[in-house]
Amino acid sequence: MAEEENRTLRGYTRRGDLARWCRELGIRENTMYQYETGRCVPRADRAAAIASFAKVDLRWLITGEGSYDVPSP
């Protein structure tokens, strides 16, 4: 649970507000909340879109492991 809370704090709350994220990603706020709280899991394409928008590493977003920074090419 602590890692989920940590991911939430470094997720959309760090980069902008939830309403703006949802609007730009085409995701309902309730759906994003369910992703953040672990009540449901996004499809792979949606998870990739969220990671790209948030500028975080996809592996970190999904598992909480490693660095949240996007790896350098």
PDB file of N, CA and C in Angstrom:
ATOM      1  N   MET A   1       0.821  -1.199   0.000  1.00  0.00           N
ATOM      2  CA  MET A   1       0.000   0.000   0.000  1.00  0.00           C
ATOM      3  C   MET A   1       0.858   1.253   0.000  1.00  0.00           C
ATOM      4  N   ALA A   2       1.944   1.246   0.739  1.00  0.00           N
ATOM      5  CA  ALA A   2       2.809   2.427   0.795  1.00  0.00           C
ATOM      6  C   ALA A   2       3.332   2.785  -0.593  1.00  0.00           C
ATOM      7  N   GLU A   3       3.701   1.771  -1.371  1.00  0.00           N
ATOM      8  CA  GLU A   3       4.205   2.048  -2.722  1.00  0.00           C
ATOM      9  C   GLU A   3       3.111   2.638  -3.592  1.00  0.00           C
ATOM     10  N   GLU A   4       1.875   2.150  -3.477  1.00  0.00           N
ATOM     11  CA  GLU A   4       0.772   2.715  -4.242  1.00  0.00           C
ATOM     12  C   GLU A   4       0.565   4.179  -3.885  1.00  0.00           C
ATOM     13  N   GLU A   5       0.613   4.501  -2.602  1.00  0.00           N
ATOM     14  CA  GLU A   5       0.469   5.888  -2.174  1.00  0.00           C
ATOM     15  C   GLU A   5       1.599   6.732  -2.739  1.00  0.00           C
ATOM     16  N   ASN A   6       2.813   6.201  -2.730  1.00  0.00           N
ATOM     17  CA  ASN A   6       3.963   6.910  -3.252  1.00  0.00           C
ATOM     18  C   ASN A   6       3.786   7.176  -4.740  1.00  0.00           C
ATOM     19  N   ARG A   7       3.288   6.181  -5.491  1.00  0.00           N
ATOM     20  CA  ARG A   7       3.068   6.354  -6.921  1.00  0.00           C
ATOM     21  C   ARG A   7       2.002   7.404  -7.163  1.00  0.00           C
ATOM     22  N   THR A   8       0.958   7.420  -6.337  1.00  0.00           N
ATOM     23  CA  THR A   8      -0.090   8.426  -6.479  1.00  0.00           C
ATOM     24  C   THR A   8       0.485   9.822  -6.257  1.00  0.00           C
ATOM     25  N   LEU A   9       1.289   9.981  -5.227  1.00  0.00           N
ATOM     26  CA  LEU A   9       1.856  11.289  -4.932  1.00  0.00           C
ATOM     27  C   LEU A   9       2.775  11.774  -6.045  1.00  0.00           C
ATOM     28  N   ARG A  10       3.499  10.850  -6.700  1.00  0.00           N
ATOM     29  CA  ARG A  10       4.405  11.236  -7.771  1.00  0.00           C
ATOM     30  C   ARG A  10       3.717  11.191  -9.133  1.00  0.00           C
ATOM     31  N   GLY A  11       2.459  10.785  -9.168  1.00  0.00           N
ATOM     32  CA  GLY A  11       1.727  10.672 -10.419  1.00  0.00           C
ATOM     33  C   GLY A  11       1.087  11.979 -10.815  1.00  0.00           C
ATOM     34  N   TYR A  12      -0.186  11.964 -11.063  1.00  0.00           N
ATOM     35  CA  TYR A  12      -0.846  13.148 -11.591  1.00  0.00           C
ATOM     36  C   TYR A  12      -0.827  14.311 -10.631  1.00  0.00           C
ATOM     37  N   THR A  13      -0.786  14.066  -9.318  1.00  0.00           N
ATOM     38  CA  THR A  13      -0.773  15.179  -8.376  1.00  0.00           C
ATOM     39  C   THR A  13       0.527  15.963  -8.478  1.00  0.00           C
ATOM     40  N   ARG A  14       1.584  15.317  -8.935  1.00  0.00           N
ATOM     41  CA  ARG A  14       2.864  16.000  -9.078  1.00  0.00           C
ATOM     42  C   ARG A  14       2.907  16.788 -10.382  1.00  0.00           C
ATOM     43  N   ARG A  15       2.263  16.316 -11.409  1.00  0.00           N
ATOM     44  CA  ARG A  15       2.398  16.899 -12.739  1.00  0.00           C
ATOM     45  C   ARG A  15       1.219  17.763 -13.164  1.00  0.00           C
ATOM     46  N   GLY A  16       0.140  17.776 -12.439  1.00  0.00           N
ATOM     47  CA  GLY A  16      -1.017  18.570 -12.825  1.00  0.00           C
ATOM     48  C   GLY A  16      -2.264  18.034 -12.166  1.00  0.00           C
ATOM     49  N   ASP A  17      -3.369  18.656 -12.459  1.00  0.00           N
ATOM     50  CA  ASP A  17      -4.592  18.232 -11.787  1.00  0.00           C
ATOM     51  C   ASP A  17      -5.300  17.104 -12.532  1.00  0.00           C
ATOM     52  N   LEU A  18      -6.071  16.341 -11.788  1.00  0.00           N
ATOM     53  CA  LEU A  18      -6.736  15.153 -12.311  1.00  0.00           C
ATOM     54  C   LEU A  18      -7.672  15.482 -13.466  1.00  0.00           C
ATOM     55  N   ALA A  19      -8.453  16.532 -13.338  1.00  0.00           N
ATOM     56  CA  ALA A  19      -9.418  16.877 -14.392  1.00  0.00           C
ATOM     57  C   ALA A  19      -8.710  17.144 -15.720  1.00  0.00           C
ATOM     58  N   ARG A  20      -7.605  17.869 -15.679  1.00  0.00           N
ATOM     59  CA  ARG A  20      -6.865  18.174 -16.909  1.00  0.00           C
ATOM     60  C   ARG A  20      -6.309  16.895 -17.513  1.00  0.00           C
ATOM     61  N   TRP A  21      -5.730  16.037 -16.672  1.00  0.00           N
ATOM     62  CA  TRP A  21      -5.191  14.758 -17.168  1.00  0.00           C
ATOM     63  C   TRP A  21      -6.268  13.965 -17.874  1.00  0.00           C
ATOM     64  N   CYS A  22      -7.389  13.821 -17.209  1.00  0.00           N
ATOM     65  CA  CYS A  22      -8.471  13.010 -17.766  1.00  0.00           C
ATOM     66  C   CYS A  22      -8.981  13.593 -19.076  1.00  0.00           C
ATOM     67  N   ARG A  23      -9.141  14.880 -19.117  1.00  0.00           N
ATOM     68  CA  ARG A  23      -9.597  15.546 -20.343  1.00  0.00           C
ATOM     69  C   ARG A  23      -8.625  15.275 -21.485  1.00  0.00           C
ATOM     70  N   GLU A  24      -7.341  15.456 -21.238  1.00  0.00           N
ATOM     71  CA  GLU A  24      -6.344  15.293 -22.288  1.00  0.00           C
ATOM     72  C   GLU A  24      -6.142  13.833 -22.700  1.00  0.00           C
ATOM     73  N   LEU A  25      -6.354  12.908 -21.779  1.00  0.00           N
ATOM     74  CA  LEU A  25      -6.177  11.488 -22.078  1.00  0.00           C
ATOM     75  C   LEU A  25      -7.468  10.813 -22.535  1.00  0.00           C
ATOM     76  N   GLY A  26      -8.603  11.516 -22.371  1.00  0.00           N
ATOM     77  CA  GLY A  26      -9.876  10.919 -22.738  1.00  0.00           C
ATOM     78  C   GLY A  26     -10.313   9.820 -21.783  1.00  0.00           C
ATOM     79  N   ILE A  27     -10.004   9.998 -20.513  1.00  0.00           N
ATOM     80  CA  ILE A  27     -10.338   9.018 -19.471  1.00  0.00           C
ATOM     81  C   ILE A  27     -11.248   9.698 -18.451  1.00  0.00           C
ATOM     82  N   ARG A  28     -12.284   9.005 -18.023  1.00  0.00           N
ATOM     83  CA  ARG A  28     -13.153   9.570 -16.985  1.00  0.00           C
ATOM     84  C   ARG A  28     -12.387   9.664 -15.666  1.00  0.00           C
ATOM     85  N   GLU A  29     -12.711  10.679 -14.868  1.00  0.00           N
ATOM     86  CA  GLU A  29     -12.028  10.861 -13.584  1.00  0.00           C
ATOM     87  C   GLU A  29     -12.202   9.644 -12.682  1.00  0.00           C
ATOM     88  N   ASN A  30     -13.379   9.063 -12.670  1.00  0.00           N
ATOM     89  CA  ASN A  30     -13.615   7.877 -11.844  1.00  0.00           C
ATOM     90  C   ASN A  30     -12.715   6.721 -12.282  1.00  0.00           C
ATOM     91  N   THR A  31     -12.526   6.570 -13.584  1.00  0.00           N
ATOM     92  CA  THR A  31     -11.665   5.506 -14.102  1.00  0.00           C
ATOM     93  C   THR A  31     -10.220   5.743 -13.667  1.00  0.00           C
ATOM     94  N   MET A  32      -9.746   6.979 -13.786  1.00  0.00           N
ATOM     95  CA  MET A  32      -8.374   7.294 -13.380  1.00  0.00           C
ATOM     96  C   MET A  32      -8.200   7.045 -11.882  1.00  0.00           C
ATOM     97  N   TYR A  33      -9.194   7.411 -11.104  1.00  0.00           N
ATOM     98  CA  TYR A  33      -9.136   7.167  -9.663  1.00  0.00           C
ATOM     99  C   TYR A  33      -9.017   5.668  -9.391  1.00  0.00           C
ATOM    100  N   GLN A  34      -9.775   4.863 -10.134  1.00  0.00           N
ATOM    101  CA  GLN A  34      -9.700   3.417  -9.947  1.00  0.00           C
ATOM    102  C   GLN A  34      -8.327   2.881 -10.316  1.00  0.00           C
ATOM    103  N   TYR A  35      -7.695   3.442 -11.331  1.00  0.00           N
ATOM    104  CA  TYR A  35      -6.330   3.049 -11.687  1.00  0.00           C
ATOM    105  C   TYR A  35      -5.383   3.401 -10.538  1.00  0.00           C
ATOM    106  N   GLU A  36      -5.496   4.625 -10.047  1.00  0.00           N
ATOM    107  CA  GLU A  36      -4.589   5.100  -8.999  1.00  0.00           C
ATOM    108  C   GLU A  36      -4.726   4.303  -7.706  1.00  0.00           C
ATOM    109  N   THR A  37      -5.941   3.847  -7.412  1.00  0.00           N
ATOM    110  CA  THR A  37      -6.155   3.119  -6.160  1.00  0.00           C
ATOM    111  C   THR A  37      -6.010   1.612  -6.322  1.00  0.00           C
ATOM    112  N   GLY A  38      -5.767   1.152  -7.543  1.00  0.00           N
ATOM    113  CA  GLY A  38      -5.567  -0.266  -7.775  1.00  0.00           C
ATOM    114  C   GLY A  38      -6.850  -1.067  -7.880  1.00  0.00           C
ATOM    115  N   ARG A  39      -7.976  -0.396  -7.981  1.00  0.00           N
ATOM    116  CA  ARG A  39      -9.261  -1.104  -8.105  1.00  0.00           C
ATOM    117  C   ARG A  39      -9.446  -1.717  -9.480  1.00  0.00           C
ATOM    118  N   CYS A  40      -8.793  -1.165 -10.475  1.00  0.00           N
ATOM    119  CA  CYS A  40      -8.777  -1.780 -11.801  1.00  0.00           C
ATOM    120  C   CYS A  40      -7.458  -1.424 -12.479  1.00  0.00           C
ATOM    121  N   VAL A  41      -7.143  -2.144 -13.533  1.00  0.00           N
ATOM    122  CA  VAL A  41      -5.865  -1.996 -14.226  1.00  0.00           C
ATOM    123  C   VAL A  41      -6.139  -1.524 -15.654  1.00  0.00           C
ATOM    124  N   PRO A  42      -5.408  -0.512 -16.111  1.00  0.00           N
ATOM    125  CA  PRO A  42      -5.629  -0.048 -17.485  1.00  0.00           C
ATOM    126  C   PRO A  42      -5.112  -1.054 -18.509  1.00  0.00           C
ATOM    127  N   ARG A  43      -5.731  -1.040 -19.685  1.00  0.00           N
ATOM    128  CA  ARG A  43      -5.208  -1.831 -20.805  1.00  0.00           C
ATOM    129  C   ARG A  43      -3.793  -1.338 -21.102  1.00  0.00           C
ATOM    130  N   ALA A  44      -3.033  -2.156 -21.796  1.00  0.00           N
ATOM    131  CA  ALA A  44      -1.633  -1.830 -22.094  1.00  0.00           C
ATOM    132  C   ALA A  44      -1.509  -0.514 -22.847  1.00  0.00           C
ATOM    133  N   ASP A  45      -2.358  -0.272 -23.846  1.00  0.00           N
ATOM    134  CA  ASP A  45      -2.259   0.965 -24.619  1.00  0.00           C
ATOM    135  C   ASP A  45      -2.584   2.188 -23.778  1.00  0.00           C
ATOM    136  N   ARG A  46      -3.543   2.038 -22.878  1.00  0.00           N
ATOM    137  CA  ARG A  46      -3.901   3.164 -22.011  1.00  0.00           C
ATOM    138  C   ARG A  46      -2.801   3.418 -20.985  1.00  0.00           C
ATOM    139  N   ALA A  47      -2.212   2.365 -20.433  1.00  0.00           N
ATOM    140  CA  ALA A  47      -1.104   2.522 -19.481  1.00  0.00           C
ATOM    141  C   ALA A  47       0.071   3.217 -20.161  1.00  0.00           C
ATOM    142  N   ALA A  48       0.348   2.838 -21.400  1.00  0.00           N
ATOM    143  CA  ALA A  48       1.438   3.477 -22.145  1.00  0.00           C
ATOM    144  C   ALA A  48       1.140   4.952 -22.383  1.00  0.00           C
ATOM    145  N   ALA A  49      -0.112   5.282 -22.686  1.00  0.00           N
ATOM    146  CA  ALA A  49      -0.494   6.685 -22.905  1.00  0.00           C
ATOM    147  C   ALA A  49      -0.352   7.492 -21.618  1.00  0.00           C
ATOM    148  N   ILE A  50      -0.762   6.913 -20.505  1.00  0.00           N
ATOM    149  CA  ILE A  50      -0.643   7.604 -19.210  1.00  0.00           C
ATOM    150  C   ILE A  50       0.825   7.832 -18.874  1.00  0.00           C
ATOM    151  N   ALA A  51       1.657   6.810 -19.048  1.00  0.00           N
ATOM    152  CA  ALA A  51       3.088   6.937 -18.753  1.00  0.00           C
ATOM    153  C   ALA A  51       3.732   7.998 -19.633  1.00  0.00           C
ATOM    154  N   SER A  52       3.395   8.005 -20.897  1.00  0.00           N
ATOM    155  CA  SER A  52       3.948   8.995 -21.819  1.00  0.00           C
ATOM    156  C   SER A  52       3.515  10.401 -21.425  1.00  0.00           C
ATOM    157  N   PHE A  53       2.240  10.572 -21.132  1.00  0.00           N
ATOM    158  CA  PHE A  53       1.715  11.877 -20.745  1.00  0.00           C
ATOM    159  C   PHE A  53       2.354  12.366 -19.449  1.00  0.00           C
ATOM    160  N   ALA A  54       2.532  11.446 -18.493  1.00  0.00           N
ATOM    161  CA  ALA A  54       3.094  11.800 -17.186  1.00  0.00           C
ATOM    162  C   ALA A  54       4.611  11.894 -17.205  1.00  0.00           C
ATOM    163  N   LYS A  55       5.204  11.447 -18.320  1.00  0.00           N
ATOM    164  CA  LYS A  55       6.664  11.434 -18.436  1.00  0.00           C
ATOM    165  C   LYS A  55       7.298  10.596 -17.337  1.00  0.00           C
ATOM    166  N   VAL A  56       6.701   9.392 -17.136  1.00  0.00           N
ATOM    167  CA  VAL A  56       7.247   8.425 -16.185  1.00  0.00           C
ATOM    168  C   VAL A  56       7.489   7.116 -16.917  1.00  0.00           C
ATOM    169  N   ASP A  57       8.353   6.290 -16.344  1.00  0.00           N
ATOM    170  CA  ASP A  57       8.673   4.993 -16.930  1.00  0.00           C
ATOM    171  C   ASP A  57       7.463   4.073 -16.830  1.00  0.00           C
ATOM    172  N   LEU A  58       7.125   3.400 -17.918  1.00  0.00           N
ATOM    173  CA  LEU A  58       5.962   2.512 -17.954  1.00  0.00           C
ATOM    174  C   LEU A  58       6.100   1.375 -16.941  1.00  0.00           C
ATOM    175  N   ARG A  59       7.276   0.788 -16.845  1.00  0.00           N
ATOM    176  CA  ARG A  59       7.489  -0.304 -15.881  1.00  0.00           C
ATOM    177  C   ARG A  59       7.212   0.174 -14.459  1.00  0.00           C
ATOM    178  N   TRP A  60       7.707   1.351 -14.120  1.00  0.00           N
ATOM    179  CA  TRP A  60       7.471   1.901 -12.786  1.00  0.00           C
ATOM    180  C   TRP A  60       5.979   2.146 -12.560  1.00  0.00           C
ATOM    181  N   LEU A  61       5.304   2.686 -13.572  1.00  0.00           N
ATOM    182  CA  LEU A  61       3.880   2.976 -13.439  1.00  0.00           C
ATOM    183  C   LEU A  61       3.090   1.706 -13.149  1.00  0.00           C
ATOM    184  N   ILE A  62       3.432   0.637 -13.844  1.00  0.00           N
ATOM    185  CA  ILE A  62       2.685  -0.615 -13.707  1.00  0.00           C
ATOM    186  C   ILE A  62       3.055  -1.376 -12.434  1.00  0.00           C
ATOM    187  N   THR A  63       4.356  -1.457 -12.132  1.00  0.00           N
ATOM    188  CA  THR A  63       4.794  -2.320 -11.027  1.00  0.00           C
ATOM    189  C   THR A  63       5.251  -1.568  -9.782  1.00  0.00           C
ATOM    190  N   GLY A  64       5.631  -0.302  -9.947  1.00  0.00           N
ATOM    191  CA  GLY A  64       6.184   0.447  -8.823  1.00  0.00           C
ATOM    192  C   GLY A  64       7.657   0.149  -8.603  1.00  0.00           C
ATOM    193  N   GLU A  65       8.248  -0.657  -9.475  1.00  0.00           N
ATOM    194  CA  GLU A  65       9.657  -1.035  -9.330  1.00  0.00           C
ATOM    195  C   GLU A  65      10.547  -0.136 -10.183  1.00  0.00           C
ATOM    196  N   GLY A  66      11.755   0.067  -9.701  1.00  0.00           N
ATOM    197  CA  GLY A  66      12.727   0.870 -10.438  1.00  0.00           C
ATOM    198  C   GLY A  66      12.473   2.351 -10.261  1.00  0.00           C
ATOM    199  N   SER A  67      13.075   3.124 -11.139  1.00  0.00           N
ATOM    200  CA  SER A  67      12.959   4.583 -11.096  1.00  0.00           C
ATOM    201  C   SER A  67      11.726   5.021 -11.883  1.00  0.00           C
ATOM    202  N   TYR A  68      11.080   6.078 -11.410  1.00  0.00           N
ATOM    203  CA  TYR A  68       9.938   6.588 -12.165  1.00  0.00           C
ATOM    204  C   TYR A  68      10.369   7.441 -13.347  1.00  0.00           C
ATOM    205  N   ASP A  69      11.651   7.807 -13.408  1.00  0.00           N
ATOM    206  CA  ASP A  69      12.147   8.595 -14.518  1.00  0.00           C
ATOM    207  C   ASP A  69      12.180   7.759 -15.798  1.00  0.00           C
ATOM    208  N   VAL A  70      11.820   8.370 -16.901  1.00  0.00           N
ATOM    209  CA  VAL A  70      11.876   7.690 -18.195  1.00  0.00           C
ATOM    210  C   VAL A  70      13.344   7.431 -18.522  1.00  0.00           C
ATOM    211  N   PRO A  71      13.708   6.189 -18.892  1.00  0.00           N
ATOM    212  CA  PRO A  71      15.112   5.897 -19.208  1.00  0.00           C
ATOM    213  C   PRO A  71      15.580   6.694 -20.431  1.00  0.00           C
ATOM    214  N   SER A  72      16.823   7.077 -20.427  1.00  0.00           N
ATOM    215  CA  SER A  72      17.407   7.789 -21.566  1.00  0.00           C
ATOM    216  C   SER A  72      17.571   6.819 -22.731  1.00  0.00           C
ATOM    217  N   PRO A  73      17.357   7.328 -23.961  1.00  0.00           N
ATOM    218  CA  PRO A  73      17.495   6.435 -25.133  1.00  0.00           C
ATOM    219  C   PRO A  73      18.899   5.980 -25.356  1.00  0.00           C
TER     220      PRO A  73
END
